[in-house]
Amino acid sequence: MPGPTTARQLADYERRYRAVAAQLATELATIGLIHSGSVIKRYTYCATPRCRCHGDPPQPHGPYWQWSAKVKGKTVSHRLSDVEAELYQEWIANDRRLNDLIGQMRQVAAEAATLKLEHAADT
């Protein structure tokens, strides 16, 4: 039987876990699409020696938006339009928000599991 301190700690972990789970449920009810990866703005230099990108000061080509992600263990990249880049950024932010909440749930669950396992070893 857990002592009063252990029981209080477990109740606190349960409360924290349920609070994050409620946040997750709220997010899931309202969130849009999700997508993994990242979107970056790139500038490039060409091979034409007299091009402005090789001038003084250099004026690289771009900006170009690029999405990159791991797909089946390989990095995949695609160039995006401004509209596509904005959408991907929104989807990736949604994905990161959900992953953050799940990470919080895992952390609280790990702390509660450690406490339960310590108590189980004592009995």
N, C-alpha and C. Protein backbone atom coordinates (compact mmCIF):
# COMPACT_ATOMS: atom_id res chain seq x y z
N MET A 1 0.85 -1.18 0.00
CA MET A 1 0.00 0.00 0.00
C MET A 1 0.89 1.24 0.00
N PRO A 2 0.69 2.17 -0.92
CA PRO A 2 1.52 3.37 -0.94
C PRO A 2 1.24 4.24 0.28
N GLY A 3 2.32 4.91 0.74
CA GLY A 3 2.17 5.84 1.85
C GLY A 3 1.47 7.10 1.40
N PRO A 4 1.13 7.99 2.36
CA PRO A 4 0.40 9.21 2.00
C PRO A 4 1.15 10.11 1.02
N THR A 5 2.48 10.19 1.19
CA THR A 5 3.27 11.03 0.28
C THR A 5 3.24 10.46 -1.13
N THR A 6 3.44 9.15 -1.24
CA THR A 6 3.42 8.49 -2.55
C THR A 6 2.05 8.63 -3.19
N ALA A 7 1.01 8.43 -2.43
CA ALA A 7 -0.36 8.54 -2.95
C ALA A 7 -0.63 9.96 -3.45
N ARG A 8 -0.15 10.96 -2.70
CA ARG A 8 -0.32 12.36 -3.13
C ARG A 8 0.44 12.61 -4.42
N GLN A 9 1.67 12.09 -4.49
CA GLN A 9 2.47 12.29 -5.70
C GLN A 9 1.80 11.62 -6.91
N LEU A 10 1.32 10.40 -6.70
CA LEU A 10 0.64 9.70 -7.81
C LEU A 10 -0.62 10.45 -8.23
N ALA A 11 -1.35 10.99 -7.28
CA ALA A 11 -2.56 11.76 -7.60
C ALA A 11 -2.18 13.02 -8.39
N ASP A 12 -1.06 13.64 -8.00
CA ASP A 12 -0.59 14.83 -8.72
C ASP A 12 -0.20 14.46 -10.16
N TYR A 13 0.51 13.35 -10.33
CA TYR A 13 0.87 12.91 -11.68
C TYR A 13 -0.38 12.63 -12.50
N GLU A 14 -1.36 11.99 -11.89
CA GLU A 14 -2.62 11.68 -12.58
C GLU A 14 -3.32 12.97 -13.01
N ARG A 15 -3.36 13.95 -12.10
CA ARG A 15 -3.99 15.24 -12.41
C ARG A 15 -3.27 15.93 -13.56
N ARG A 16 -1.93 15.96 -13.50
CA ARG A 16 -1.14 16.59 -14.57
C ARG A 16 -1.34 15.87 -15.91
N TYR A 17 -1.35 14.54 -15.85
CA TYR A 17 -1.52 13.74 -17.06
C TYR A 17 -2.89 14.03 -17.68
N ARG A 18 -3.93 14.04 -16.87
CA ARG A 18 -5.29 14.31 -17.36
C ARG A 18 -5.41 15.73 -17.92
N ALA A 19 -4.72 16.69 -17.31
CA ALA A 19 -4.76 18.07 -17.80
C ALA A 19 -4.13 18.16 -19.19
N VAL A 20 -3.00 17.50 -19.38
CA VAL A 20 -2.36 17.52 -20.69
C VAL A 20 -3.20 16.75 -21.70
N ALA A 21 -3.79 15.63 -21.28
CA ALA A 21 -4.67 14.86 -22.16
C ALA A 21 -5.87 15.70 -22.61
N ALA A 22 -6.41 16.51 -21.70
CA ALA A 22 -7.53 17.39 -22.05
C ALA A 22 -7.08 18.44 -23.07
N GLN A 23 -5.88 18.98 -22.88
CA GLN A 23 -5.33 19.92 -23.86
C GLN A 23 -5.21 19.25 -25.22
N LEU A 24 -4.70 18.02 -25.22
CA LEU A 24 -4.53 17.27 -26.46
C LEU A 24 -5.88 17.06 -27.14
N ALA A 25 -6.89 16.70 -26.37
CA ALA A 25 -8.23 16.48 -26.93
C ALA A 25 -8.77 17.76 -27.55
N THR A 26 -8.54 18.89 -26.88
CA THR A 26 -8.98 20.18 -27.41
C THR A 26 -8.26 20.49 -28.72
N GLU A 27 -6.94 20.27 -28.74
CA GLU A 27 -6.15 20.52 -29.95
C GLU A 27 -6.64 19.63 -31.09
N LEU A 28 -6.86 18.35 -30.80
CA LEU A 28 -7.30 17.42 -31.84
C LEU A 28 -8.64 17.83 -32.43
N ALA A 29 -9.51 18.41 -31.61
CA ALA A 29 -10.83 18.81 -32.07
C ALA A 29 -10.77 20.03 -32.99
N THR A 30 -9.71 20.84 -32.87
CA THR A 30 -9.68 22.09 -33.62
C THR A 30 -8.53 22.20 -34.61
N ILE A 31 -7.56 21.33 -34.51
CA ILE A 31 -6.34 21.47 -35.31
C ILE A 31 -6.60 21.10 -36.77
N GLY A 32 -5.85 21.71 -37.63
CA GLY A 32 -5.93 21.39 -39.05
C GLY A 32 -5.03 20.23 -39.39
N LEU A 33 -4.61 20.19 -40.62
CA LEU A 33 -3.72 19.13 -41.08
C LEU A 33 -2.39 19.16 -40.34
N ILE A 34 -1.74 18.01 -40.31
CA ILE A 34 -0.40 17.94 -39.73
C ILE A 34 0.55 17.39 -40.79
N HIS A 35 1.81 17.77 -40.68
CA HIS A 35 2.83 17.30 -41.62
C HIS A 35 4.18 17.37 -40.93
N SER A 36 5.03 16.42 -41.23
CA SER A 36 6.37 16.43 -40.65
C SER A 36 7.32 17.18 -41.57
N GLY A 37 8.51 17.44 -41.07
CA GLY A 37 9.54 18.09 -41.88
C GLY A 37 9.81 19.50 -41.43
N SER A 38 10.49 20.22 -42.32
CA SER A 38 10.78 21.63 -42.04
C SER A 38 10.77 22.40 -43.36
N VAL A 39 10.52 23.70 -43.22
CA VAL A 39 10.49 24.60 -44.37
C VAL A 39 11.57 25.65 -44.15
N ILE A 40 12.40 25.84 -45.15
CA ILE A 40 13.46 26.85 -45.05
C ILE A 40 13.46 27.72 -46.30
N LYS A 41 14.03 28.90 -46.15
CA LYS A 41 14.20 29.83 -47.25
C LYS A 41 15.64 29.70 -47.73
N ARG A 42 15.81 29.45 -49.02
CA ARG A 42 17.15 29.24 -49.58
C ARG A 42 17.49 30.31 -50.60
N TYR A 43 18.78 30.59 -50.67
CA TYR A 43 19.35 31.44 -51.72
C TYR A 43 20.41 30.60 -52.42
N THR A 44 20.54 30.76 -53.73
CA THR A 44 21.49 29.93 -54.47
C THR A 44 22.45 30.77 -55.31
N TYR A 45 23.53 30.12 -55.69
CA TYR A 45 24.53 30.70 -56.58
C TYR A 45 24.63 29.82 -57.80
N CYS A 46 24.69 30.42 -58.99
CA CYS A 46 24.74 29.63 -60.22
C CYS A 46 26.19 29.48 -60.70
N ALA A 47 26.35 28.82 -61.83
CA ALA A 47 27.69 28.56 -62.38
C ALA A 47 28.10 29.62 -63.41
N THR A 48 27.24 30.59 -63.69
CA THR A 48 27.57 31.63 -64.67
C THR A 48 28.51 32.65 -64.04
N PRO A 49 29.75 32.76 -64.53
CA PRO A 49 30.75 33.61 -63.87
C PRO A 49 30.36 35.09 -63.75
N ARG A 50 29.70 35.66 -64.74
CA ARG A 50 29.39 37.09 -64.70
C ARG A 50 28.02 37.40 -64.10
N CYS A 51 27.40 36.40 -63.53
CA CYS A 51 26.06 36.61 -62.95
C CYS A 51 26.16 37.49 -61.71
N ARG A 52 25.06 38.15 -61.39
CA ARG A 52 24.99 39.03 -60.22
C ARG A 52 25.26 38.28 -58.92
N CYS A 53 25.03 36.97 -58.92
CA CYS A 53 25.25 36.20 -57.69
C CYS A 53 26.74 36.09 -57.35
N HIS A 54 27.60 36.41 -58.33
CA HIS A 54 29.05 36.39 -58.09
C HIS A 54 29.63 37.80 -58.02
N GLY A 55 28.76 38.81 -58.05
CA GLY A 55 29.20 40.21 -58.04
C GLY A 55 29.75 40.64 -56.69
N ASP A 56 30.06 41.93 -56.63
CA ASP A 56 30.58 42.51 -55.40
C ASP A 56 29.69 43.68 -55.03
N PRO A 57 28.80 43.59 -54.09
CA PRO A 57 28.54 42.43 -53.23
C PRO A 57 27.70 41.39 -53.97
N PRO A 58 27.81 40.12 -53.57
CA PRO A 58 27.04 39.08 -54.23
C PRO A 58 25.54 39.26 -54.00
N GLN A 59 24.76 38.97 -55.03
CA GLN A 59 23.29 39.02 -54.93
C GLN A 59 22.76 37.65 -55.33
N PRO A 60 22.68 36.74 -54.37
CA PRO A 60 22.27 35.37 -54.72
C PRO A 60 20.85 35.31 -55.27
N HIS A 61 20.57 34.24 -55.98
CA HIS A 61 19.23 34.00 -56.53
C HIS A 61 18.30 33.56 -55.40
N GLY A 62 17.06 33.98 -55.50
CA GLY A 62 16.10 33.57 -54.48
C GLY A 62 15.42 34.78 -53.87
N PRO A 63 14.71 34.60 -52.83
CA PRO A 63 14.64 33.39 -52.01
C PRO A 63 13.74 32.32 -52.63
N TYR A 64 14.07 31.07 -52.36
CA TYR A 64 13.29 29.92 -52.74
C TYR A 64 12.90 29.17 -51.47
N TRP A 65 11.66 28.76 -51.38
CA TRP A 65 11.20 27.98 -50.24
C TRP A 65 11.44 26.50 -50.52
N GLN A 66 11.85 25.79 -49.47
CA GLN A 66 12.11 24.36 -49.62
C GLN A 66 11.60 23.60 -48.41
N TRP A 67 10.87 22.51 -48.68
CA TRP A 67 10.42 21.60 -47.63
C TRP A 67 11.32 20.38 -47.65
N SER A 68 11.75 19.92 -46.49
CA SER A 68 12.57 18.72 -46.36
C SER A 68 12.05 17.87 -45.22
N ALA A 69 12.12 16.55 -45.42
CA ALA A 69 11.72 15.61 -44.37
C ALA A 69 12.33 14.25 -44.67
N LYS A 70 12.38 13.42 -43.64
CA LYS A 70 12.81 12.03 -43.80
C LYS A 70 11.59 11.20 -44.20
N VAL A 71 11.71 10.48 -45.29
CA VAL A 71 10.65 9.59 -45.75
C VAL A 71 11.29 8.23 -45.98
N LYS A 72 10.87 7.25 -45.20
CA LYS A 72 11.43 5.89 -45.27
C LYS A 72 12.95 5.92 -45.14
N GLY A 73 13.45 6.75 -44.22
CA GLY A 73 14.87 6.80 -43.93
C GLY A 73 15.70 7.65 -44.88
N LYS A 74 15.09 8.26 -45.86
CA LYS A 74 15.82 9.10 -46.81
C LYS A 74 15.29 10.52 -46.75
N THR A 75 16.20 11.47 -46.92
CA THR A 75 15.79 12.87 -46.93
C THR A 75 15.17 13.21 -48.28
N VAL A 76 13.99 13.78 -48.23
CA VAL A 76 13.27 14.21 -49.42
C VAL A 76 13.10 15.72 -49.33
N SER A 77 13.33 16.41 -50.45
CA SER A 77 13.18 17.87 -50.49
C SER A 77 12.37 18.26 -51.72
N HIS A 78 11.54 19.28 -51.55
CA HIS A 78 10.76 19.82 -52.65
C HIS A 78 10.78 21.34 -52.57
N ARG A 79 10.89 21.98 -53.71
CA ARG A 79 10.78 23.43 -53.77
C ARG A 79 9.31 23.80 -53.69
N LEU A 80 9.00 24.88 -52.99
CA LEU A 80 7.62 25.29 -52.75
C LEU A 80 7.37 26.71 -53.23
N SER A 81 6.13 26.97 -53.58
CA SER A 81 5.71 28.34 -53.86
C SER A 81 5.50 29.04 -52.52
N ASP A 82 5.27 30.34 -52.55
CA ASP A 82 5.03 31.09 -51.31
C ASP A 82 3.79 30.56 -50.59
N VAL A 83 2.74 30.27 -51.34
CA VAL A 83 1.49 29.77 -50.75
C VAL A 83 1.72 28.39 -50.14
N GLU A 84 2.40 27.51 -50.86
CA GLU A 84 2.70 26.18 -50.34
C GLU A 84 3.55 26.25 -49.08
N ALA A 85 4.54 27.13 -49.08
CA ALA A 85 5.41 27.29 -47.92
C ALA A 85 4.61 27.71 -46.69
N GLU A 86 3.68 28.62 -46.88
CA GLU A 86 2.85 29.07 -45.77
C GLU A 86 2.00 27.93 -45.22
N LEU A 87 1.41 27.13 -46.12
CA LEU A 87 0.60 25.99 -45.69
C LEU A 87 1.45 24.95 -44.95
N TYR A 88 2.59 24.61 -45.53
CA TYR A 88 3.47 23.63 -44.89
C TYR A 88 3.90 24.11 -43.50
N GLN A 89 4.21 25.39 -43.37
CA GLN A 89 4.62 25.92 -42.07
C GLN A 89 3.50 25.76 -41.04
N GLU A 90 2.28 26.00 -41.46
CA GLU A 90 1.13 25.82 -40.56
C GLU A 90 0.98 24.35 -40.17
N TRP A 91 1.05 23.45 -41.14
CA TRP A 91 0.89 22.02 -40.87
C TRP A 91 2.00 21.49 -39.96
N ILE A 92 3.22 21.95 -40.21
CA ILE A 92 4.36 21.51 -39.39
C ILE A 92 4.22 22.04 -37.96
N ALA A 93 3.75 23.28 -37.82
CA ALA A 93 3.51 23.84 -36.48
C ALA A 93 2.44 23.02 -35.74
N ASN A 94 1.39 22.62 -36.45
CA ASN A 94 0.36 21.78 -35.85
C ASN A 94 0.95 20.45 -35.37
N ASP A 95 1.77 19.85 -36.20
CA ASP A 95 2.41 18.57 -35.87
C ASP A 95 3.30 18.72 -34.64
N ARG A 96 4.07 19.78 -34.59
CA ARG A 96 4.97 20.01 -33.46
C ARG A 96 4.19 20.24 -32.17
N ARG A 97 3.07 20.94 -32.27
CA ARG A 97 2.23 21.18 -31.09
C ARG A 97 1.71 19.87 -30.53
N LEU A 98 1.19 19.01 -31.40
CA LEU A 98 0.69 17.71 -30.95
C LEU A 98 1.81 16.87 -30.36
N ASN A 99 2.97 16.84 -31.02
CA ASN A 99 4.10 16.07 -30.50
C ASN A 99 4.57 16.60 -29.16
N ASP A 100 4.51 17.91 -28.97
CA ASP A 100 4.90 18.50 -27.68
C ASP A 100 3.96 18.03 -26.57
N LEU A 101 2.66 18.04 -26.83
CA LEU A 101 1.70 17.59 -25.82
C LEU A 101 1.88 16.10 -25.51
N ILE A 102 2.10 15.29 -26.53
CA ILE A 102 2.33 13.86 -26.30
C ILE A 102 3.62 13.67 -25.51
N GLY A 103 4.64 14.46 -25.82
CA GLY A 103 5.89 14.39 -25.05
C GLY A 103 5.68 14.73 -23.59
N GLN A 104 4.83 15.72 -23.31
CA GLN A 104 4.52 16.07 -21.93
C GLN A 104 3.82 14.91 -21.22
N MET A 105 2.89 14.27 -21.93
CA MET A 105 2.19 13.13 -21.35
C MET A 105 3.17 12.00 -21.05
N ARG A 106 4.09 11.74 -21.98
CA ARG A 106 5.09 10.69 -21.76
C ARG A 106 5.96 11.00 -20.54
N GLN A 107 6.33 12.27 -20.39
CA GLN A 107 7.18 12.66 -19.27
C GLN A 107 6.48 12.43 -17.93
N VAL A 108 5.23 12.87 -17.85
CA VAL A 108 4.47 12.68 -16.61
C VAL A 108 4.27 11.19 -16.35
N ALA A 109 3.94 10.43 -17.39
CA ALA A 109 3.74 8.99 -17.24
C ALA A 109 5.03 8.31 -16.78
N ALA A 110 6.17 8.74 -17.30
CA ALA A 110 7.45 8.15 -16.90
C ALA A 110 7.74 8.44 -15.43
N GLU A 111 7.44 9.65 -14.98
CA GLU A 111 7.66 10.00 -13.57
C GLU A 111 6.74 9.17 -12.67
N ALA A 112 5.48 9.00 -13.09
CA ALA A 112 4.54 8.20 -12.30
C ALA A 112 4.98 6.73 -12.29
N ALA A 113 5.44 6.24 -13.43
CA ALA A 113 5.89 4.84 -13.51
C ALA A 113 7.09 4.61 -12.61
N THR A 114 8.02 5.54 -12.60
CA THR A 114 9.19 5.42 -11.72
C THR A 114 8.76 5.32 -10.27
N LEU A 115 7.85 6.18 -9.88
CA LEU A 115 7.36 6.17 -8.49
C LEU A 115 6.66 4.85 -8.18
N LYS A 116 5.80 4.38 -9.09
CA LYS A 116 5.09 3.11 -8.88
C LYS A 116 6.07 1.94 -8.80
N LEU A 117 7.06 1.94 -9.68
CA LEU A 117 8.04 0.85 -9.68
C LEU A 117 8.89 0.85 -8.41
N GLU A 118 9.25 2.04 -7.93
CA GLU A 118 9.98 2.12 -6.66
C GLU A 118 9.14 1.56 -5.52
N HIS A 119 7.86 1.91 -5.53
CA HIS A 119 6.96 1.42 -4.48
C HIS A 119 6.77 -0.10 -4.62
N ALA A 120 6.64 -0.61 -5.83
CA ALA A 120 6.47 -2.03 -6.06
C ALA A 120 7.68 -2.82 -5.57
N ALA A 121 8.88 -2.23 -5.74
CA ALA A 121 10.11 -2.90 -5.29
C ALA A 121 10.18 -2.95 -3.76
N ASP A 122 9.54 -2.00 -3.09
CA ASP A 122 9.58 -1.95 -1.63
C ASP A 122 8.63 -2.98 -1.01
N THR A 123 7.65 -3.43 -1.76
CA THR A 123 6.65 -4.36 -1.17
C THR A 123 7.00 -5.80 -1.39
